[in-house]
N, C-alpha and C. Protein backbone atom coordinates (compact mmCIF):
# COMPACT_ATOMS: atom_id res chain seq x y z
N UNK A 1 0.82 -1.15 0.04
CA UNK A 1 -0.03 -0.02 -0.10
C UNK A 1 0.96 1.26 -0.02
N UNK A 2 0.49 2.23 -0.80
CA UNK A 2 1.29 3.51 -0.82
C UNK A 2 0.81 4.47 0.22
N UNK A 3 1.77 5.20 0.79
CA UNK A 3 1.51 6.11 1.91
C UNK A 3 1.96 7.56 1.62
N UNK A 4 1.21 8.42 1.92
CA UNK A 4 1.68 9.93 1.60
C UNK A 4 2.77 10.11 2.75
N UNK A 5 3.91 10.56 2.26
CA UNK A 5 4.96 10.93 3.18
C UNK A 5 5.22 12.52 3.27
N UNK A 6 4.71 13.22 2.22
CA UNK A 6 4.86 14.74 2.27
C UNK A 6 3.98 15.28 1.26
N UNK A 7 3.55 16.53 1.55
CA UNK A 7 2.67 17.30 0.56
C UNK A 7 3.50 18.52 0.20
N UNK A 8 3.96 18.52 -1.10
CA UNK A 8 4.75 19.67 -1.54
C UNK A 8 3.87 20.79 -2.08
N UNK A 9 4.25 22.05 -1.89
CA UNK A 9 3.42 23.15 -2.34
C UNK A 9 3.48 23.42 -3.85
N UNK A 10 4.59 22.92 -4.48
CA UNK A 10 4.78 23.17 -5.95
C UNK A 10 5.14 21.86 -6.61
N UNK A 11 4.89 21.82 -7.97
CA UNK A 11 5.27 20.67 -8.73
C UNK A 11 6.81 20.56 -8.70
N UNK A 12 7.53 21.62 -8.78
CA UNK A 12 9.00 21.74 -8.82
C UNK A 12 9.56 21.03 -7.57
N UNK A 13 9.12 21.45 -6.42
CA UNK A 13 9.53 20.81 -5.24
C UNK A 13 9.20 19.40 -5.12
N UNK A 14 8.04 18.98 -5.55
CA UNK A 14 7.61 17.55 -5.53
C UNK A 14 8.56 16.73 -6.44
N UNK A 15 8.92 17.29 -7.54
CA UNK A 15 9.83 16.52 -8.55
C UNK A 15 11.23 16.43 -7.97
N UNK A 16 11.60 17.57 -7.27
CA UNK A 16 12.92 17.47 -6.59
C UNK A 16 13.01 16.39 -5.56
N UNK A 17 11.97 16.41 -4.62
CA UNK A 17 11.95 15.37 -3.56
C UNK A 17 11.83 14.04 -4.07
N UNK A 18 11.09 13.80 -5.24
CA UNK A 18 11.02 12.47 -5.88
C UNK A 18 12.29 12.14 -6.35
N UNK A 19 13.07 12.89 -6.93
CA UNK A 19 14.35 12.58 -7.63
C UNK A 19 15.28 12.13 -6.50
N UNK A 20 15.36 12.87 -5.38
CA UNK A 20 16.28 12.66 -4.27
C UNK A 20 15.94 11.20 -3.57
N UNK A 21 14.59 11.01 -3.38
CA UNK A 21 14.23 9.74 -2.76
C UNK A 21 14.54 8.54 -3.74
N UNK A 22 14.31 8.81 -5.01
CA UNK A 22 14.61 7.79 -6.07
C UNK A 22 16.09 7.45 -6.01
N UNK A 23 16.89 8.48 -5.97
CA UNK A 23 18.30 8.23 -5.88
C UNK A 23 18.77 7.44 -4.59
N UNK A 24 17.97 7.48 -3.59
CA UNK A 24 18.28 6.74 -2.42
C UNK A 24 17.77 5.36 -2.43
N UNK A 25 17.02 5.06 -3.55
CA UNK A 25 16.62 3.65 -3.69
C UNK A 25 15.08 3.47 -3.41
N UNK A 26 14.28 4.57 -3.11
CA UNK A 26 12.90 4.30 -2.85
C UNK A 26 12.01 4.30 -4.11
N UNK A 27 10.94 3.61 -3.98
CA UNK A 27 9.86 3.68 -4.96
C UNK A 27 9.07 4.95 -4.61
N UNK A 28 8.77 5.78 -5.60
CA UNK A 28 8.09 7.02 -5.30
C UNK A 28 7.09 7.30 -6.34
N UNK A 29 5.85 7.83 -5.92
CA UNK A 29 4.75 8.34 -6.74
C UNK A 29 4.53 9.79 -6.35
N UNK A 30 4.12 10.58 -7.26
CA UNK A 30 3.70 11.94 -7.02
C UNK A 30 2.33 12.06 -7.74
N UNK A 31 1.33 12.64 -6.90
CA UNK A 31 0.07 12.89 -7.45
C UNK A 31 -0.49 14.25 -7.03
N UNK A 32 -1.30 14.84 -7.77
CA UNK A 32 -1.92 16.19 -7.28
C UNK A 32 -2.89 15.85 -6.17
N UNK A 33 -2.69 16.70 -5.10
CA UNK A 33 -3.64 16.55 -3.93
C UNK A 33 -5.01 16.75 -4.33
N UNK A 34 -5.93 16.11 -3.72
CA UNK A 34 -7.26 16.28 -3.94
C UNK A 34 -7.82 17.49 -3.39
N UNK A 35 -8.53 18.37 -4.24
CA UNK A 35 -9.02 19.57 -3.71
C UNK A 35 -8.07 20.73 -3.67
N UNK A 36 -6.80 20.52 -4.13
CA UNK A 36 -5.89 21.55 -4.10
C UNK A 36 -5.02 21.65 -5.32
N UNK A 37 -5.17 22.84 -6.16
CA UNK A 37 -4.56 22.89 -7.40
C UNK A 37 -3.09 22.82 -7.37
N UNK A 38 -2.54 23.43 -6.30
CA UNK A 38 -0.97 23.59 -6.34
C UNK A 38 -0.38 22.79 -5.17
N UNK A 39 -0.93 21.71 -4.81
CA UNK A 39 -0.30 20.81 -3.79
C UNK A 39 -0.07 19.37 -4.38
N UNK A 40 1.01 18.76 -4.19
CA UNK A 40 1.30 17.47 -4.68
C UNK A 40 1.73 16.45 -3.62
N UNK A 41 1.12 15.35 -3.59
CA UNK A 41 1.34 14.34 -2.57
C UNK A 41 2.48 13.55 -3.08
N UNK A 42 3.46 13.20 -2.22
CA UNK A 42 4.56 12.37 -2.52
C UNK A 42 4.29 11.06 -1.69
N UNK A 43 4.32 9.95 -2.40
CA UNK A 43 3.93 8.71 -1.80
C UNK A 43 5.12 7.62 -1.89
N UNK A 44 5.20 6.86 -0.85
CA UNK A 44 6.15 5.72 -0.89
C UNK A 44 5.37 4.50 -0.37
N UNK A 45 6.03 3.27 -0.66
CA UNK A 45 5.35 2.13 -0.09
C UNK A 45 5.35 2.19 1.46
N UNK A 46 4.24 1.70 2.13
CA UNK A 46 4.15 1.64 3.46
C UNK A 46 5.32 1.00 4.24
N UNK A 47 5.85 0.01 3.56
CA UNK A 47 6.94 -0.81 4.24
C UNK A 47 8.24 -0.06 4.25
N UNK A 48 8.28 1.08 3.59
CA UNK A 48 9.45 1.93 3.55
C UNK A 48 9.35 3.24 4.27
N UNK A 49 8.25 3.40 5.02
CA UNK A 49 7.84 4.66 5.63
C UNK A 49 8.90 5.10 6.59
N UNK A 50 9.22 4.34 7.59
CA UNK A 50 10.27 4.84 8.58
C UNK A 50 11.53 5.32 7.95
N UNK A 51 12.11 4.48 7.21
CA UNK A 51 13.37 4.88 6.47
C UNK A 51 13.15 6.04 5.63
N UNK A 52 12.03 6.11 4.91
CA UNK A 52 11.71 7.16 4.03
C UNK A 52 11.53 8.47 4.73
N UNK A 53 11.01 8.43 5.94
CA UNK A 53 10.87 9.72 6.66
C UNK A 53 12.29 10.25 7.16
N UNK A 54 13.16 9.43 7.50
CA UNK A 54 14.41 9.93 7.80
C UNK A 54 15.24 10.47 6.77
N UNK A 55 15.12 9.80 5.55
CA UNK A 55 15.72 10.42 4.34
C UNK A 55 15.11 11.74 3.90
N UNK A 56 13.80 11.83 4.03
CA UNK A 56 13.05 12.95 3.68
C UNK A 56 13.47 14.17 4.56
N UNK A 57 13.66 13.92 5.81
CA UNK A 57 14.07 15.00 6.76
C UNK A 57 15.41 15.52 6.36
N UNK A 58 16.39 14.74 5.91
CA UNK A 58 17.68 15.08 5.41
C UNK A 58 17.52 15.95 4.03
N UNK A 59 16.70 15.47 3.20
CA UNK A 59 16.37 16.23 1.95
C UNK A 59 15.88 17.54 2.18
N UNK A 60 14.96 17.65 3.10
CA UNK A 60 14.28 18.87 3.36
C UNK A 60 15.29 19.87 4.04
N UNK A 61 16.06 19.36 4.89
CA UNK A 61 16.94 20.24 5.63
C UNK A 61 18.14 20.83 4.69
N UNK A 62 18.52 19.97 3.72
CA UNK A 62 19.68 20.39 2.90
C UNK A 62 19.19 21.14 1.73
N UNK A 63 17.95 21.02 1.36
CA UNK A 63 17.46 21.67 0.10
C UNK A 63 16.72 22.89 0.19
N UNK A 64 16.08 23.10 1.38
CA UNK A 64 15.08 24.18 1.44
C UNK A 64 15.37 25.05 2.72
């Protein structure tokens, strides 16, 4: 099952995070958030959630 790990405010930020998570070996999907034109959900498999959250923290702290 896929789980939302982050909601990005722009498509550019969503693509950046997707690329970084993919480089780290995660399977990643991006989809437009329901009811929001400019928000994008970043999803990873539920089985990778804990590790994915740790990597996401590093990505967010180093990039933004």
